[in-house]
Amino acid sequence: MAIIQSRHVRELLAAPDPGAALVVRRGAAAVVGGDSAAESAEGALVVATQADLRAQGAAPESSDDQIAALAARLDTALAGFGG
């Protein structure tokens, strides 16, 4: 089963904090806010930031297929890191 799922990508894109990040810790993905990202991400791998995804053209209104494809790419990249 994928660690990073579409819901994580949507949550990151919809986060009100532009510094929000998608992190993985102990095999679980979570979105953390920018101000608390460093503290919340301690011991976690930062997979992507909201800015990273927006730079790739992703937006909260992206289609389900686009979001699913992005989640799959992020999950594949994570697997490459041994996540």
PDB file of N, CA and C in Angstrom:
ATOM      1  N   MET A   1       0.844  -1.187   0.000  1.00  0.00           N
ATOM      2  CA  MET A   1       0.000   0.000   0.000  1.00  0.00           C
ATOM      3  C   MET A   1       0.889   1.251   0.000  1.00  0.00           C
ATOM      4  N   ALA A   2       0.468   2.222  -0.732  1.00  0.00           N
ATOM      5  CA  ALA A   2       1.207   3.476  -0.842  1.00  0.00           C
ATOM      6  C   ALA A   2       1.163   4.241   0.480  1.00  0.00           C
ATOM      7  N   ILE A   3       2.271   4.869   0.803  1.00  0.00           N
ATOM      8  CA  ILE A   3       2.318   5.717   1.996  1.00  0.00           C
ATOM      9  C   ILE A   3       1.708   7.080   1.678  1.00  0.00           C
ATOM     10  N   ILE A   4       2.085   7.638   0.527  1.00  0.00           N
ATOM     11  CA  ILE A   4       1.554   8.939   0.116  1.00  0.00           C
ATOM     12  C   ILE A   4       0.361   8.707  -0.791  1.00  0.00           C
ATOM     13  N   GLN A   5      -0.759   9.259  -0.396  1.00  0.00           N
ATOM     14  CA  GLN A   5      -2.001   9.080  -1.139  1.00  0.00           C
ATOM     15  C   GLN A   5      -2.534  10.431  -1.603  1.00  0.00           C
ATOM     16  N   SER A   6      -3.505  10.369  -2.476  1.00  0.00           N
ATOM     17  CA  SER A   6      -4.090  11.595  -3.035  1.00  0.00           C
ATOM     18  C   SER A   6      -4.553  12.551  -1.948  1.00  0.00           C
ATOM     19  N   ARG A   7      -5.115  12.021  -0.884  1.00  0.00           N
ATOM     20  CA  ARG A   7      -5.629  12.898   0.185  1.00  0.00           C
ATOM     21  C   ARG A   7      -4.511  13.733   0.811  1.00  0.00           C
ATOM     22  N   HIS A   8      -3.304  13.173   0.888  1.00  0.00           N
ATOM     23  CA  HIS A   8      -2.172  13.923   1.438  1.00  0.00           C
ATOM     24  C   HIS A   8      -1.797  15.085   0.511  1.00  0.00           C
ATOM     25  N   VAL A   9      -1.794  14.813  -0.787  1.00  0.00           N
ATOM     26  CA  VAL A   9      -1.453  15.853  -1.765  1.00  0.00           C
ATOM     27  C   VAL A   9      -2.507  16.950  -1.737  1.00  0.00           C
ATOM     28  N   ARG A  10      -3.773  16.580  -1.707  1.00  0.00           N
ATOM     29  CA  ARG A  10      -4.852  17.578  -1.652  1.00  0.00           C
ATOM     30  C   ARG A  10      -4.754  18.410  -0.375  1.00  0.00           C
ATOM     31  N   GLU A  11      -4.479  17.738   0.751  1.00  0.00           N
ATOM     32  CA  GLU A  11      -4.357  18.454   2.022  1.00  0.00           C
ATOM     33  C   GLU A  11      -3.208  19.462   1.968  1.00  0.00           C
ATOM     34  N   LEU A  12      -2.088  19.058   1.388  1.00  0.00           N
ATOM     35  CA  LEU A  12      -0.943  19.961   1.281  1.00  0.00           C
ATOM     36  C   LEU A  12      -1.275  21.154   0.390  1.00  0.00           C
ATOM     37  N   LEU A  13      -1.892  20.903  -0.746  1.00  0.00           N
ATOM     38  CA  LEU A  13      -2.226  21.996  -1.667  1.00  0.00           C
ATOM     39  C   LEU A  13      -3.252  22.953  -1.076  1.00  0.00           C
ATOM     40  N   ALA A  14      -4.143  22.447  -0.233  1.00  0.00           N
ATOM     41  CA  ALA A  14      -5.194  23.273   0.358  1.00  0.00           C
ATOM     42  C   ALA A  14      -4.767  23.946   1.660  1.00  0.00           C
ATOM     43  N   ALA A  15      -3.598  23.613   2.163  1.00  0.00           N
ATOM     44  CA  ALA A  15      -3.140  24.181   3.435  1.00  0.00           C
ATOM     45  C   ALA A  15      -3.052  25.702   3.335  1.00  0.00           C
ATOM     46  N   PRO A  16      -3.562  26.405   4.338  1.00  0.00           N
ATOM     47  CA  PRO A  16      -3.522  27.868   4.297  1.00  0.00           C
ATOM     48  C   PRO A  16      -2.111  28.432   4.464  1.00  0.00           C
ATOM     49  N   ASP A  17      -1.217  27.637   4.991  1.00  0.00           N
ATOM     50  CA  ASP A  17       0.160  28.065   5.227  1.00  0.00           C
ATOM     51  C   ASP A  17       1.015  27.717   4.011  1.00  0.00           C
ATOM     52  N   PRO A  18       1.549  28.708   3.292  1.00  0.00           N
ATOM     53  CA  PRO A  18       2.355  28.415   2.107  1.00  0.00           C
ATOM     54  C   PRO A  18       3.654  27.674   2.424  1.00  0.00           C
ATOM     55  N   GLY A  19       4.024  27.628   3.694  1.00  0.00           N
ATOM     56  CA  GLY A  19       5.220  26.897   4.093  1.00  0.00           C
ATOM     57  C   GLY A  19       4.936  25.467   4.504  1.00  0.00           C
ATOM     58  N   ALA A  20       3.700  25.016   4.299  1.00  0.00           N
ATOM     59  CA  ALA A  20       3.320  23.656   4.693  1.00  0.00           C
ATOM     60  C   ALA A  20       4.153  22.626   3.936  1.00  0.00           C
ATOM     61  N   ALA A  21       4.350  21.478   4.583  1.00  0.00           N
ATOM     62  CA  ALA A  21       5.159  20.416   3.983  1.00  0.00           C
ATOM     63  C   ALA A  21       4.519  19.056   4.228  1.00  0.00           C
ATOM     64  N   LEU A  22       4.760  18.153   3.299  1.00  0.00           N
ATOM     65  CA  LEU A  22       4.344  16.757   3.434  1.00  0.00           C
ATOM     66  C   LEU A  22       5.549  15.996   3.956  1.00  0.00           C
ATOM     67  N   VAL A  23       5.388  15.363   5.110  1.00  0.00           N
ATOM     68  CA  VAL A  23       6.491  14.631   5.729  1.00  0.00           C
ATOM     69  C   VAL A  23       6.084  13.182   5.961  1.00  0.00           C
ATOM     70  N   VAL A  24       7.095  12.334   6.096  1.00  0.00           N
ATOM     71  CA  VAL A  24       6.860  10.932   6.442  1.00  0.00           C
ATOM     72  C   VAL A  24       7.735  10.604   7.640  1.00  0.00           C
ATOM     73  N   ARG A  25       7.085  10.042   8.642  1.00  0.00           N
ATOM     74  CA  ARG A  25       7.797   9.612   9.845  1.00  0.00           C
ATOM     75  C   ARG A  25       7.214   8.272  10.277  1.00  0.00           C
ATOM     76  N   ARG A  26       8.096   7.318  10.492  1.00  0.00           N
ATOM     77  CA  ARG A  26       7.692   5.974  10.925  1.00  0.00           C
ATOM     78  C   ARG A  26       6.642   5.366  10.004  1.00  0.00           C
ATOM     79  N   GLY A  27       6.809   5.592   8.720  1.00  0.00           N
ATOM     80  CA  GLY A  27       5.926   4.982   7.739  1.00  0.00           C
ATOM     81  C   GLY A  27       4.575   5.634   7.564  1.00  0.00           C
ATOM     82  N   ALA A  28       4.378   6.813   8.163  1.00  0.00           N
ATOM     83  CA  ALA A  28       3.100   7.513   8.045  1.00  0.00           C
ATOM     84  C   ALA A  28       3.324   8.911   7.476  1.00  0.00           C
ATOM     85  N   ALA A  29       2.481   9.290   6.523  1.00  0.00           N
ATOM     86  CA  ALA A  29       2.559  10.613   5.909  1.00  0.00           C
ATOM     87  C   ALA A  29       1.672  11.585   6.671  1.00  0.00           C
ATOM     88  N   ALA A  30       2.118  12.843   6.728  1.00  0.00           N
ATOM     89  CA  ALA A  30       1.340  13.893   7.380  1.00  0.00           C
ATOM     90  C   ALA A  30       1.720  15.233   6.772  1.00  0.00           C
ATOM     91  N   VAL A  31       0.787  16.165   6.820  1.00  0.00           N
ATOM     92  CA  VAL A  31       1.041  17.536   6.386  1.00  0.00           C
ATOM     93  C   VAL A  31       1.239  18.369   7.644  1.00  0.00           C
ATOM     94  N   VAL A  32       2.338  19.122   7.671  1.00  0.00           N
ATOM     95  CA  VAL A  32       2.634  19.983   8.813  1.00  0.00           C
ATOM     96  C   VAL A  32       2.743  21.421   8.336  1.00  0.00           C
ATOM     97  N   GLY A  33       2.390  22.357   9.224  1.00  0.00           N
ATOM     98  CA  GLY A  33       2.435  23.771   8.887  1.00  0.00           C
ATOM     99  C   GLY A  33       3.844  24.302   8.818  1.00  0.00           C
ATOM    100  N   GLY A  34       4.012  25.381   8.099  1.00  0.00           N
ATOM    101  CA  GLY A  34       5.331  25.966   7.891  1.00  0.00           C
ATOM    102  C   GLY A  34       6.015  26.413   9.160  1.00  0.00           C
ATOM    103  N   ASP A  35       5.293  27.129  10.037  1.00  0.00           N
ATOM    104  CA  ASP A  35       5.910  27.612  11.268  1.00  0.00           C
ATOM    105  C   ASP A  35       6.332  26.467  12.168  1.00  0.00           C
ATOM    106  N   SER A  36       5.546  25.408  12.166  1.00  0.00           N
ATOM    107  CA  SER A  36       5.869  24.275  13.027  1.00  0.00           C
ATOM    108  C   SER A  36       6.492  23.132  12.247  1.00  0.00           C
ATOM    109  N   ALA A  37       6.744  23.343  10.967  1.00  0.00           N
ATOM    110  CA  ALA A  37       7.241  22.247  10.126  1.00  0.00           C
ATOM    111  C   ALA A  37       8.562  21.696  10.634  1.00  0.00           C
ATOM    112  N   ALA A  38       9.484  22.573  10.973  1.00  0.00           N
ATOM    113  CA  ALA A  38      10.788  22.090  11.435  1.00  0.00           C
ATOM    114  C   ALA A  38      10.635  21.294  12.719  1.00  0.00           C
ATOM    115  N   GLU A  39       9.832  21.803  13.631  1.00  0.00           N
ATOM    116  CA  GLU A  39       9.619  21.106  14.897  1.00  0.00           C
ATOM    117  C   GLU A  39       8.821  19.824  14.683  1.00  0.00           C
ATOM    118  N   SER A  40       7.748  19.910  13.912  1.00  0.00           N
ATOM    119  CA  SER A  40       6.904  18.743  13.667  1.00  0.00           C
ATOM    120  C   SER A  40       7.609  17.699  12.823  1.00  0.00           C
ATOM    121  N   ALA A  41       8.514  18.153  11.971  1.00  0.00           N
ATOM    122  CA  ALA A  41       9.183  17.239  11.054  1.00  0.00           C
ATOM    123  C   ALA A  41      10.451  16.637  11.647  1.00  0.00           C
ATOM    124  N   GLU A  42      10.763  16.987  12.892  1.00  0.00           N
ATOM    125  CA  GLU A  42      11.978  16.441  13.498  1.00  0.00           C
ATOM    126  C   GLU A  42      11.928  14.917  13.454  1.00  0.00           C
ATOM    127  N   GLY A  43      12.964  14.341  12.876  1.00  0.00           N
ATOM    128  CA  GLY A  43      13.025  12.890  12.736  1.00  0.00           C
ATOM    129  C   GLY A  43      12.224  12.366  11.560  1.00  0.00           C
ATOM    130  N   ALA A  44      11.676  13.267  10.757  1.00  0.00           N
ATOM    131  CA  ALA A  44      10.860  12.871   9.609  1.00  0.00           C
ATOM    132  C   ALA A  44      11.560  13.289   8.319  1.00  0.00           C
ATOM    133  N   LEU A  45      11.142  12.670   7.240  1.00  0.00           N
ATOM    134  CA  LEU A  45      11.645  13.010   5.913  1.00  0.00           C
ATOM    135  C   LEU A  45      10.659  13.968   5.254  1.00  0.00           C
ATOM    136  N   VAL A  46      11.125  15.144   4.866  1.00  0.00           N
ATOM    137  CA  VAL A  46      10.272  16.084   4.140  1.00  0.00           C
ATOM    138  C   VAL A  46      10.235  15.624   2.689  1.00  0.00           C
ATOM    139  N   VAL A  47       9.049  15.261   2.228  1.00  0.00           N
ATOM    140  CA  VAL A  47       8.873  14.744   0.871  1.00  0.00           C
ATOM    141  C   VAL A  47       8.679  15.884  -0.114  1.00  0.00           C
ATOM    142  N   ALA A  48       7.855  16.855   0.239  1.00  0.00           N
ATOM    143  CA  ALA A  48       7.574  17.989  -0.648  1.00  0.00           C
ATOM    144  C   ALA A  48       6.963  19.118   0.162  1.00  0.00           C
ATOM    145  N   THR A  49       7.137  20.327  -0.341  1.00  0.00           N
ATOM    146  CA  THR A  49       6.473  21.483   0.247  1.00  0.00           C
ATOM    147  C   THR A  49       5.348  21.912  -0.688  1.00  0.00           C
ATOM    148  N   GLN A  50       4.484  22.758  -0.168  1.00  0.00           N
ATOM    149  CA  GLN A  50       3.414  23.279  -1.009  1.00  0.00           C
ATOM    150  C   GLN A  50       4.016  24.008  -2.210  1.00  0.00           C
ATOM    151  N   ALA A  51       5.079  24.754  -1.977  1.00  0.00           N
ATOM    152  CA  ALA A  51       5.741  25.484  -3.065  1.00  0.00           C
ATOM    153  C   ALA A  51       6.281  24.529  -4.127  1.00  0.00           C
ATOM    154  N   ASP A  52       6.825  23.383  -3.699  1.00  0.00           N
ATOM    155  CA  ASP A  52       7.314  22.381  -4.657  1.00  0.00           C
ATOM    156  C   ASP A  52       6.190  21.929  -5.587  1.00  0.00           C
ATOM    157  N   LEU A  53       5.043  21.618  -4.994  1.00  0.00           N
ATOM    158  CA  LEU A  53       3.922  21.112  -5.797  1.00  0.00           C
ATOM    159  C   LEU A  53       3.367  22.191  -6.716  1.00  0.00           C
ATOM    160  N   ARG A  54       3.266  23.406  -6.210  1.00  0.00           N
ATOM    161  CA  ARG A  54       2.751  24.502  -7.044  1.00  0.00           C
ATOM    162  C   ARG A  54       3.705  24.805  -8.196  1.00  0.00           C
ATOM    163  N   ALA A  55       5.004  24.653  -7.964  1.00  0.00           N
ATOM    164  CA  ALA A  55       5.989  24.866  -9.030  1.00  0.00           C
ATOM    165  C   ALA A  55       5.839  23.828 -10.136  1.00  0.00           C
ATOM    166  N   GLN A  56       5.260  22.681  -9.806  1.00  0.00           N
ATOM    167  CA  GLN A  56       5.009  21.633 -10.796  1.00  0.00           C
ATOM    168  C   GLN A  56       3.644  21.805 -11.460  1.00  0.00           C
ATOM    169  N   GLY A  57       2.958  22.898 -11.130  1.00  0.00           N
ATOM    170  CA  GLY A  57       1.675  23.187 -11.747  1.00  0.00           C
ATOM    171  C   GLY A  57       0.480  22.612 -11.017  1.00  0.00           C
ATOM    172  N   ALA A  58       0.692  22.025  -9.852  1.00  0.00           N
ATOM    173  CA  ALA A  58      -0.422  21.462  -9.085  1.00  0.00           C
ATOM    174  C   ALA A  58      -1.139  22.577  -8.334  1.00  0.00           C
ATOM    175  N   ALA A  59      -2.447  22.402  -8.176  1.00  0.00           N
ATOM    176  CA  ALA A  59      -3.267  23.378  -7.472  1.00  0.00           C
ATOM    177  C   ALA A  59      -4.419  22.641  -6.798  1.00  0.00           C
ATOM    178  N   PRO A  60      -5.056  23.269  -5.805  1.00  0.00           N
ATOM    179  CA  PRO A  60      -6.172  22.602  -5.133  1.00  0.00           C
ATOM    180  C   PRO A  60      -7.273  22.154  -6.093  1.00  0.00           C
ATOM    181  N   GLU A  61      -7.416  22.876  -7.206  1.00  0.00           N
ATOM    182  CA  GLU A  61      -8.467  22.526  -8.169  1.00  0.00           C
ATOM    183  C   GLU A  61      -8.001  21.532  -9.237  1.00  0.00           C
ATOM    184  N   SER A  62      -6.799  20.992  -9.101  1.00  0.00           N
ATOM    185  CA  SER A  62      -6.313  19.977 -10.055  1.00  0.00           C
ATOM    186  C   SER A  62      -7.261  18.780 -10.052  1.00  0.00           C
ATOM    187  N   SER A  63      -7.331  18.104 -11.188  1.00  0.00           N
ATOM    188  CA  SER A  63      -8.242  16.963 -11.315  1.00  0.00           C
ATOM    189  C   SER A  63      -7.800  15.806 -10.422  1.00  0.00           C
ATOM    190  N   ASP A  64      -8.735  14.916 -10.145  1.00  0.00           N
ATOM    191  CA  ASP A  64      -8.424  13.728  -9.345  1.00  0.00           C
ATOM    192  C   ASP A  64      -7.310  12.917  -9.988  1.00  0.00           C
ATOM    193  N   ASP A  65      -7.337  12.805 -11.315  1.00  0.00           N
ATOM    194  CA  ASP A  65      -6.297  12.044 -12.019  1.00  0.00           C
ATOM    195  C   ASP A  65      -4.928  12.703 -11.861  1.00  0.00           C
ATOM    196  N   GLN A  66      -4.873  14.027 -11.951  1.00  0.00           N
ATOM    197  CA  GLN A  66      -3.602  14.741 -11.786  1.00  0.00           C
ATOM    198  C   GLN A  66      -3.058  14.567 -10.366  1.00  0.00           C
ATOM    199  N   ILE A  67      -3.943  14.669  -9.397  1.00  0.00           N
ATOM    200  CA  ILE A  67      -3.534  14.515  -7.998  1.00  0.00           C
ATOM    201  C   ILE A  67      -3.062  13.086  -7.744  1.00  0.00           C
ATOM    202  N   ALA A  68      -3.776  12.110  -8.277  1.00  0.00           N
ATOM    203  CA  ALA A  68      -3.387  10.705  -8.096  1.00  0.00           C
ATOM    204  C   ALA A  68      -2.030  10.428  -8.732  1.00  0.00           C
ATOM    205  N   ALA A  69      -1.788  10.995  -9.905  1.00  0.00           N
ATOM    206  CA  ALA A  69      -0.500  10.802 -10.580  1.00  0.00           C
ATOM    207  C   ALA A  69       0.629  11.443  -9.778  1.00  0.00           C
ATOM    208  N   LEU A  70       0.387  12.619  -9.226  1.00  0.00           N
ATOM    209  CA  LEU A  70       1.398  13.292  -8.415  1.00  0.00           C
ATOM    210  C   LEU A  70       1.677  12.501  -7.138  1.00  0.00           C
ATOM    211  N   ALA A  71       0.632  12.011  -6.497  1.00  0.00           N
ATOM    212  CA  ALA A  71       0.809  11.198  -5.290  1.00  0.00           C
ATOM    213  C   ALA A  71       1.622   9.947  -5.603  1.00  0.00           C
ATOM    214  N   ALA A  72       1.352   9.324  -6.737  1.00  0.00           N
ATOM    215  CA  ALA A  72       2.097   8.119  -7.132  1.00  0.00           C
ATOM    216  C   ALA A  72       3.570   8.444  -7.372  1.00  0.00           C
ATOM    217  N   ARG A  73       3.849   9.576  -8.016  1.00  0.00           N
ATOM    218  CA  ARG A  73       5.252   9.974  -8.245  1.00  0.00           C
ATOM    219  C   ARG A  73       5.976  10.237  -6.927  1.00  0.00           C
ATOM    220  N   LEU A  74       5.304  10.919  -6.009  1.00  0.00           N
ATOM    221  CA  LEU A  74       5.917  11.193  -4.710  1.00  0.00           C
ATOM    222  C   LEU A  74       6.153   9.901  -3.932  1.00  0.00           C
ATOM    223  N   ASP A  75       5.199   8.979  -4.008  1.00  0.00           N
ATOM    224  CA  ASP A  75       5.347   7.707  -3.303  1.00  0.00           C
ATOM    225  C   ASP A  75       6.489   6.888  -3.899  1.00  0.00           C
ATOM    226  N   THR A  76       6.620   6.914  -5.215  1.00  0.00           N
ATOM    227  CA  THR A  76       7.727   6.207  -5.876  1.00  0.00           C
ATOM    228  C   THR A  76       9.065   6.816  -5.469  1.00  0.00           C
ATOM    229  N   ALA A  77       9.128   8.147  -5.418  1.00  0.00           N
ATOM    230  CA  ALA A  77      10.361   8.810  -4.982  1.00  0.00           C
ATOM    231  C   ALA A  77      10.680   8.444  -3.537  1.00  0.00           C
ATOM    232  N   LEU A  78       9.669   8.398  -2.704  1.00  0.00           N
ATOM    233  CA  LEU A  78       9.863   8.018  -1.307  1.00  0.00           C
ATOM    234  C   LEU A  78      10.412   6.601  -1.201  1.00  0.00           C
ATOM    235  N   ALA A  79       9.874   5.694  -1.991  1.00  0.00           N
ATOM    236  CA  ALA A  79      10.349   4.304  -1.982  1.00  0.00           C
ATOM    237  C   ALA A  79      11.822   4.241  -2.370  1.00  0.00           C
ATOM    238  N   GLY A  80      12.245   5.134  -3.249  1.00  0.00           N
ATOM    239  CA  GLY A  80      13.642   5.194  -3.657  1.00  0.00           C
ATOM    240  C   GLY A  80      14.571   5.609  -2.521  1.00  0.00           C
ATOM    241  N   PHE A  81      14.008   6.320  -1.540  1.00  0.00           N
ATOM    242  CA  PHE A  81      14.785   6.722  -0.365  1.00  0.00           C
ATOM    243  C   PHE A  81      14.721   5.680   0.742  1.00  0.00           C
ATOM    244  N   GLY A  82      13.976   4.618   0.479  1.00  0.00           N
ATOM    245  CA  GLY A  82      13.838   3.578   1.494  1.00  0.00           C
ATOM    246  C   GLY A  82      12.754   3.876   2.500  1.00  0.00           C
ATOM    247  N   GLY A  83      11.839   4.819   2.143  1.00  0.00           N
ATOM    248  CA  GLY A  83      10.746   5.195   3.046  1.00  0.00           C
ATOM    249  C   GLY A  83       9.727   4.160   3.042  1.00  0.00           C
TER     250      GLY A  83
END
